[in-house]
N, C-alpha and C. Protein backbone atom coordinates (compact mmCIF):
# COMPACT_ATOMS: atom_id res chain seq x y z
N UNK A 1 77.89 83.46 99.88
CA UNK A 1 78.75 83.73 98.93
C UNK A 1 78.03 82.73 97.91
N UNK A 2 77.72 82.95 96.97
CA UNK A 2 77.30 82.01 95.66
C UNK A 2 78.62 81.64 95.03
N UNK A 3 78.69 80.58 94.17
CA UNK A 3 80.11 79.98 93.77
C UNK A 3 80.49 81.53 92.25
N UNK A 4 79.54 81.36 91.65
CA UNK A 4 79.79 82.57 90.62
C UNK A 4 80.74 84.16 91.11
N UNK A 5 79.72 84.39 92.57
CA UNK A 5 80.33 85.88 92.98
C UNK A 5 81.46 85.57 93.89
N UNK A 6 81.73 84.21 94.21
CA UNK A 6 82.81 83.91 94.88
C UNK A 6 84.42 84.10 93.52
N UNK A 7 83.91 83.63 92.74
CA UNK A 7 84.98 83.23 91.75
C UNK A 7 85.17 85.18 91.34
N UNK A 8 83.79 86.00 90.58
CA UNK A 8 84.20 86.63 90.21
C UNK A 8 85.00 87.66 91.06
N UNK A 9 84.75 87.92 92.84
CA UNK A 9 85.43 88.46 93.53
C UNK A 9 86.46 88.30 93.89
N UNK A 10 86.75 86.91 93.73
CA UNK A 10 88.25 86.57 93.89
C UNK A 10 89.51 87.08 92.86
N UNK A 11 88.44 87.00 91.75
CA UNK A 11 89.28 87.74 90.31
C UNK A 11 89.79 89.18 89.86
N UNK A 12 88.68 89.94 90.98
CA UNK A 12 88.70 91.10 91.36
C UNK A 12 89.82 91.42 92.23
N UNK A 13 90.07 90.88 93.48
CA UNK A 13 91.08 90.91 94.10
C UNK A 13 92.74 90.46 93.68
N UNK A 14 92.47 89.30 92.79
CA UNK A 14 93.85 89.11 92.10
C UNK A 14 94.32 90.33 90.95
N UNK A 15 93.64 90.75 90.54
CA UNK A 15 93.34 91.65 89.02
C UNK A 15 94.30 93.06 89.84
N UNK A 16 93.44 93.27 91.02
CA UNK A 16 94.17 94.79 91.74
C UNK A 16 95.96 94.39 92.24
N UNK A 17 96.15 93.32 92.25
CA UNK A 17 97.75 92.96 92.85
C UNK A 17 98.59 93.19 91.57
N UNK A 18 99.75 93.80 92.13
CA UNK A 18 100.91 94.31 91.24
C UNK A 18 101.79 93.14 90.75
N UNK A 19 101.60 93.16 89.38
CA UNK A 19 102.41 92.07 88.58
C UNK A 19 101.35 91.00 88.26
N UNK A 20 100.19 90.60 88.68
CA UNK A 20 99.12 89.57 88.77
C UNK A 20 98.73 89.32 87.16
N UNK A 21 98.79 88.09 86.54
CA UNK A 21 98.68 87.38 85.21
C UNK A 21 97.85 86.98 85.07
N UNK A 22 96.38 86.84 84.54
CA UNK A 22 95.28 85.94 84.31
C UNK A 22 96.02 85.07 83.07
N UNK A 23 96.62 83.35 83.57
CA UNK A 23 96.76 83.00 81.73
C UNK A 23 95.37 82.01 81.63
N UNK A 24 95.24 80.89 80.91
CA UNK A 24 94.87 79.69 80.65
C UNK A 24 95.64 78.71 80.11
N UNK A 25 96.80 78.08 80.91
CA UNK A 25 97.48 76.84 80.42
C UNK A 25 97.04 75.70 80.21
N UNK A 26 95.98 75.33 80.75
CA UNK A 26 95.44 73.75 81.26
C UNK A 26 94.14 73.79 80.59
N UNK A 27 93.63 75.34 79.64
CA UNK A 27 92.61 74.99 78.86
C UNK A 27 91.81 76.20 79.12
N UNK A 28 90.67 76.13 78.38
CA UNK A 28 89.56 77.54 78.75
C UNK A 28 88.94 77.26 80.08
N UNK A 29 88.73 75.98 80.92
CA UNK A 29 88.08 75.66 82.38
C UNK A 29 88.64 75.79 83.61
N UNK A 30 90.12 76.38 83.15
CA UNK A 30 90.75 76.69 84.13
C UNK A 30 91.73 78.36 84.18
N UNK A 31 91.23 78.78 85.02
CA UNK A 31 91.99 80.65 85.02
C UNK A 31 92.78 80.58 85.95
N UNK A 32 94.36 80.80 85.90
CA UNK A 32 95.45 80.65 86.49
C UNK A 32 95.84 82.39 86.73
N UNK A 33 95.84 82.60 87.84
CA UNK A 33 96.45 83.70 88.56
C UNK A 33 98.33 83.55 88.53
N UNK A 34 98.90 84.63 87.87
CA UNK A 34 100.28 84.12 88.59
C UNK A 34 100.81 85.25 88.45
N UNK A 35 101.93 85.40 89.34
CA UNK A 35 103.09 86.86 89.64
C UNK A 35 104.66 86.27 89.23
N UNK A 36 105.28 86.77 88.57
CA UNK A 36 106.63 86.11 88.21
C UNK A 36 106.41 84.81 87.91
N UNK A 37 105.63 84.35 86.86
CA UNK A 37 105.67 83.18 86.59
C UNK A 37 105.38 82.40 87.62
N UNK A 38 104.94 82.28 88.20
CA UNK A 38 104.59 81.64 89.64
C UNK A 38 103.27 81.45 89.90
N UNK A 39 102.30 80.60 90.21
CA UNK A 39 100.79 80.28 90.27
C UNK A 39 100.50 80.88 91.71
N UNK A 40 99.49 82.01 91.63
CA UNK A 40 99.22 81.93 93.29
C UNK A 40 97.53 81.92 93.54
N UNK A 41 96.77 81.57 92.38
CA UNK A 41 95.43 81.22 92.45
C UNK A 41 95.08 80.54 91.13
N UNK A 42 94.12 79.66 91.48
CA UNK A 42 93.36 79.13 90.02
C UNK A 42 91.95 79.27 90.43
N UNK A 43 91.02 78.78 89.55
CA UNK A 43 89.54 78.76 89.55
C UNK A 43 89.28 78.18 88.36
N UNK A 44 88.57 77.24 88.54
CA UNK A 44 87.90 76.37 88.08
C UNK A 44 86.08 75.56 88.18
N UNK A 45 85.35 75.34 87.48
CA UNK A 45 84.42 74.16 88.05
C UNK A 45 84.66 72.93 87.71
N UNK A 46 85.43 72.45 87.03
CA UNK A 46 85.88 71.25 86.84
C UNK A 46 84.87 70.01 87.79
N UNK A 47 85.47 70.40 89.58
CA UNK A 47 85.28 69.35 90.33
C UNK A 47 83.40 69.64 90.38
N UNK A 48 82.57 69.90 90.09
CA UNK A 48 81.25 70.21 89.42
C UNK A 48 80.67 71.52 90.19
N UNK A 49 81.28 72.19 90.56
CA UNK A 49 80.83 73.38 91.44
C UNK A 49 82.36 74.14 91.15
N UNK A 50 82.06 75.69 91.54
CA UNK A 50 83.10 76.57 91.21
C UNK A 50 83.63 76.49 92.66
N UNK A 51 84.98 76.86 92.75
CA UNK A 51 85.81 76.90 93.48
C UNK A 51 87.21 77.56 92.66
N UNK A 52 88.13 77.95 93.96
CA UNK A 52 89.01 78.96 94.44
C UNK A 52 90.19 78.53 94.76
N UNK A 53 91.19 78.07 94.21
CA UNK A 53 92.24 77.40 94.87
C UNK A 53 93.43 78.39 95.28
N UNK A 54 93.75 78.56 96.33
CA UNK A 54 94.98 79.30 96.29
C UNK A 54 96.18 78.76 97.31
N UNK A 55 97.42 79.41 97.51
CA UNK A 55 98.57 78.59 98.64
C UNK A 55 98.35 79.55 100.03
N UNK A 56 98.65 78.67 100.62
CA UNK A 56 98.18 78.98 102.51
C UNK A 56 99.57 78.47 103.25
N UNK A 57 99.72 79.07 104.14
CA UNK A 57 101.13 78.39 105.30
C UNK A 57 100.55 77.43 105.97
N UNK A 58 101.43 76.01 105.74
CA UNK A 58 100.52 74.61 106.58
C UNK A 58 99.93 74.53 107.81
N UNK A 59 100.38 75.37 108.68
CA UNK A 59 99.18 75.63 109.68
C UNK A 59 98.35 76.35 109.80
N UNK A 60 98.28 77.58 109.12
CA UNK A 60 96.91 78.38 108.45
C UNK A 60 95.93 77.53 107.89
N UNK A 61 96.55 76.56 106.61
CA UNK A 61 95.71 75.98 106.12
C UNK A 61 94.82 75.26 107.18
N UNK A 62 95.77 74.39 107.78
CA UNK A 62 94.86 73.54 108.55
C UNK A 62 93.42 74.07 109.45
N UNK A 63 94.09 75.38 110.52
CA UNK A 63 93.49 75.84 110.96
C UNK A 63 92.12 76.22 110.60
N UNK A 64 92.18 77.17 108.97
CA UNK A 64 91.07 77.14 108.06
C UNK A 64 89.98 76.09 107.74
N UNK A 65 90.73 74.89 107.37
CA UNK A 65 89.91 73.74 107.31
C UNK A 65 88.84 73.44 108.28
N UNK A 66 89.63 73.37 109.71
CA UNK A 66 88.96 73.52 110.95
C UNK A 66 87.78 73.95 111.23
N UNK A 67 87.87 75.84 110.90
CA UNK A 67 86.94 76.41 111.21
C UNK A 67 86.54 77.09 110.33
N UNK A 68 86.49 76.48 108.62
CA UNK A 68 85.50 77.24 107.96
C UNK A 68 85.06 75.85 107.23
N UNK A 69 83.70 75.50 106.90
CA UNK A 69 83.25 74.40 106.55
C UNK A 69 83.52 74.56 105.08
N UNK A 70 83.91 75.61 104.49
CA UNK A 70 83.60 75.96 102.82
C UNK A 70 85.16 75.78 102.66
N UNK A 71 86.25 75.57 103.52
CA UNK A 71 88.08 75.53 102.96
C UNK A 71 88.03 73.92 103.25
N UNK A 72 88.80 73.25 101.95
CA UNK A 72 89.09 71.94 101.84
C UNK A 72 90.49 72.05 101.51
N UNK A 73 91.21 70.98 101.49
CA UNK A 73 92.42 70.81 100.95
C UNK A 73 92.36 71.75 99.44
N UNK A 74 93.39 71.62 99.18
CA UNK A 74 93.56 72.38 97.47
C UNK A 74 93.17 71.12 96.63
N UNK A 75 92.65 71.31 95.66
CA UNK A 75 91.88 70.98 94.66
C UNK A 75 93.05 70.20 93.48
N UNK A 76 93.68 69.47 93.54
CA UNK A 76 94.71 68.80 92.68
C UNK A 76 95.93 69.58 92.68
N UNK A 77 96.04 69.93 93.91
CA UNK A 77 97.20 70.42 94.23
C UNK A 77 97.96 69.73 95.72
N UNK A 78 98.99 70.24 96.04
CA UNK A 78 99.77 69.73 97.17
C UNK A 78 98.63 70.34 98.67
N UNK A 79 98.32 68.88 99.27
CA UNK A 79 96.99 69.70 100.15
C UNK A 79 97.49 70.05 101.48
N UNK A 80 98.84 70.22 101.57
CA UNK A 80 99.68 71.17 102.59
C UNK A 80 99.44 72.00 102.39
N UNK A 81 100.05 72.23 101.27
CA UNK A 81 100.18 73.99 100.55
C UNK A 81 99.25 74.65 100.18
N UNK A 82 98.20 74.12 99.96
CA UNK A 82 97.23 75.17 99.20
C UNK A 82 95.81 74.48 99.89
N UNK A 83 94.46 75.18 99.58
CA UNK A 83 93.48 75.20 100.09
C UNK A 83 92.48 75.40 99.04
N UNK A 84 91.05 74.72 99.05
CA UNK A 84 90.08 75.17 97.94
C UNK A 84 89.18 75.82 98.80
N UNK A 85 88.61 76.90 98.32
CA UNK A 85 87.32 77.72 98.70
C UNK A 85 86.12 77.06 97.92
N UNK A 86 84.81 77.19 98.53
CA UNK A 86 83.70 76.79 98.00
C UNK A 86 82.92 77.68 98.22
N UNK A 87 81.95 78.01 97.67
CA UNK A 87 80.87 79.10 97.96
C UNK A 87 80.14 78.39 99.23
N UNK A 88 79.72 79.38 100.14
CA UNK A 88 79.06 78.71 101.36
C UNK A 88 78.64 80.08 102.41
N UNK A 89 78.26 79.74 103.34
CA UNK A 89 78.52 80.41 104.60
C UNK A 89 79.79 80.85 105.33
N UNK A 90 80.19 80.05 105.29
CA UNK A 90 81.65 80.16 106.54
C UNK A 90 82.43 81.10 105.21
N UNK A 91 82.25 81.43 103.94
CA UNK A 91 83.18 82.34 103.62
C UNK A 91 82.75 83.79 103.16
N UNK A 92 83.32 84.84 103.18
CA UNK A 92 82.47 86.22 102.67
C UNK A 92 83.65 87.19 102.10
N UNK A 93 83.72 88.22 101.61
CA UNK A 93 84.10 89.34 100.96
C UNK A 93 85.73 89.30 101.71
N UNK A 94 85.77 89.45 102.82
CA UNK A 94 86.73 90.14 103.51
C UNK A 94 87.57 88.47 103.85
N UNK A 95 87.19 87.69 103.69
CA UNK A 95 87.95 86.59 103.99
C UNK A 95 88.58 86.03 102.81
N UNK A 96 87.80 86.37 101.59
CA UNK A 96 88.65 86.15 100.13
C UNK A 96 89.79 87.31 99.81
N UNK A 97 89.04 88.32 100.22
CA UNK A 97 90.40 89.40 100.02
C UNK A 97 91.66 88.94 100.81
N UNK A 98 91.49 88.41 102.05
CA UNK A 98 92.56 88.22 102.91
C UNK A 98 93.22 86.96 102.34
N UNK A 99 92.74 86.06 101.99
CA UNK A 99 93.03 84.53 101.21
C UNK A 99 94.21 84.86 99.76
N UNK A 100 93.52 85.70 99.05
CA UNK A 100 93.87 85.85 97.75
C UNK A 100 95.41 86.93 98.22
N UNK A 101 95.31 87.81 98.64
CA UNK A 101 96.51 88.45 98.96
C UNK A 101 97.61 87.77 100.14
N UNK A 102 97.17 86.81 100.70
CA UNK A 102 98.03 86.11 101.84
C UNK A 102 98.74 85.23 100.20
N UNK A 103 97.83 84.69 99.56
CA UNK A 103 98.87 83.38 98.33
C UNK A 103 99.73 84.05 97.65
N UNK A 104 98.80 85.36 97.18
CA UNK A 104 99.99 86.17 96.57
C UNK A 104 101.60 86.56 97.37
N UNK A 105 101.15 86.88 98.42
CA UNK A 105 102.32 87.20 99.34
C UNK A 105 103.36 86.06 99.28
N UNK A 106 102.44 84.66 99.54
CA UNK A 106 103.42 83.70 100.14
C UNK A 106 104.25 83.47 98.55
N UNK A 107 103.51 83.87 97.31
CA UNK A 107 104.40 83.29 96.34
C UNK A 107 105.45 84.22 95.78
N UNK A 108 105.18 85.71 95.93
CA UNK A 108 106.07 87.24 95.81
C UNK A 108 107.50 86.34 96.94
N UNK A 109 106.84 85.96 97.76
CA UNK A 109 108.15 85.61 98.54
C UNK A 109 109.24 85.12 98.65
N UNK A 110 108.75 83.69 97.23
CA UNK A 110 109.75 83.02 97.02
C UNK A 110 110.28 83.24 95.65
N UNK A 111 109.91 84.36 95.31
CA UNK A 111 110.40 84.52 93.96
C UNK A 111 112.13 85.24 94.56
N UNK A 112 112.92 85.88 93.39
CA UNK A 112 113.92 86.38 93.49
C UNK A 112 113.73 87.83 93.79
N UNK A 113 114.29 88.37 94.76
CA UNK A 113 113.95 89.91 94.84
C UNK A 113 113.66 90.73 93.99
N UNK A 114 114.82 90.51 93.06
CA UNK A 114 114.66 91.31 91.85
C UNK A 114 113.51 91.50 91.03
N UNK A 115 112.77 90.22 90.90
CA UNK A 115 111.57 89.84 90.20
C UNK A 115 110.32 90.09 91.42
N UNK A 116 110.58 90.73 92.58
CA UNK A 116 108.98 90.80 93.29
C UNK A 116 108.84 92.21 93.49
N UNK A 117 107.13 92.16 92.85
CA UNK A 117 106.66 93.59 91.90
C UNK A 117 106.70 94.17 93.48
N UNK A 118 106.31 93.91 94.73
CA UNK A 118 106.32 94.41 96.47
C UNK A 118 107.05 93.40 96.87
N UNK A 119 107.02 94.18 98.18
CA UNK A 119 107.90 93.55 99.09
C UNK A 119 106.88 92.35 100.18
N UNK A 120 106.91 91.49 100.29
CA UNK A 120 106.11 90.69 100.70
C UNK A 120 105.97 90.76 102.10
N UNK A 121 106.90 90.83 102.65
CA UNK A 121 106.72 91.14 104.33
C UNK A 121 105.77 92.54 104.64
N UNK A 122 105.94 93.20 103.95
CA UNK A 122 104.75 94.56 104.09
C UNK A 122 103.96 94.72 103.00
N UNK A 123 103.75 94.06 101.97
CA UNK A 123 102.60 94.36 101.14
C UNK A 123 101.19 93.69 101.79
N UNK A 124 100.25 94.64 101.54
CA UNK A 124 99.01 93.80 102.44
C UNK A 124 98.78 93.40 103.85
N UNK A 125 99.76 93.94 104.60
CA UNK A 125 99.64 93.57 105.54
C UNK A 125 98.88 94.51 106.81
N UNK A 126 98.15 95.32 106.11
CA UNK A 126 97.28 96.61 106.93
C UNK A 126 96.05 95.45 107.12
N UNK A 127 95.18 94.86 106.02
CA UNK A 127 95.08 93.97 105.74
C UNK A 127 94.52 92.45 106.96
N UNK A 128 96.09 92.24 107.45
CA UNK A 128 95.91 91.29 108.42
C UNK A 128 96.17 89.99 107.73
N UNK A 129 96.46 88.99 108.68
CA UNK A 129 96.56 87.83 107.98
C UNK A 129 95.11 87.23 107.85
N UNK A 130 94.80 85.84 107.54
CA UNK A 130 93.47 85.55 107.39
C UNK A 130 93.21 85.00 108.93
N UNK A 131 91.97 86.07 109.32
CA UNK A 131 91.36 85.07 110.78
C UNK A 131 91.05 84.03 110.56
N UNK A 132 91.51 83.23 111.57
CA UNK A 132 90.60 82.13 112.10
C UNK A 132 89.17 82.37 112.54
């Protein structure tokens, strides 16, 4: 998957999620997807290549970085809780969709129940967690 198709597909996945909104709070070079006012995905080419930045459980983030050469610590984010996806052979559409959905679920799970557009425990569960 190349960089522009990675970002295009990640954006398509994010736009399908209930309550997801695209904003540009950091200027035109950053696309920021939020749910309930909280960030779950960022996209930019600021580091010199197209990247997608997603929230991840710390243990899962570490496992992903160990098994996928194109997954690195979150660019300009907390390295323990965020990952960066770069275009490459270890990234495919299925993994992108799973990681975007999981990032969304993690953020929704931290919103007050009245602000949750979906049940974070069951939404997207059919897709499963990101595979190692």
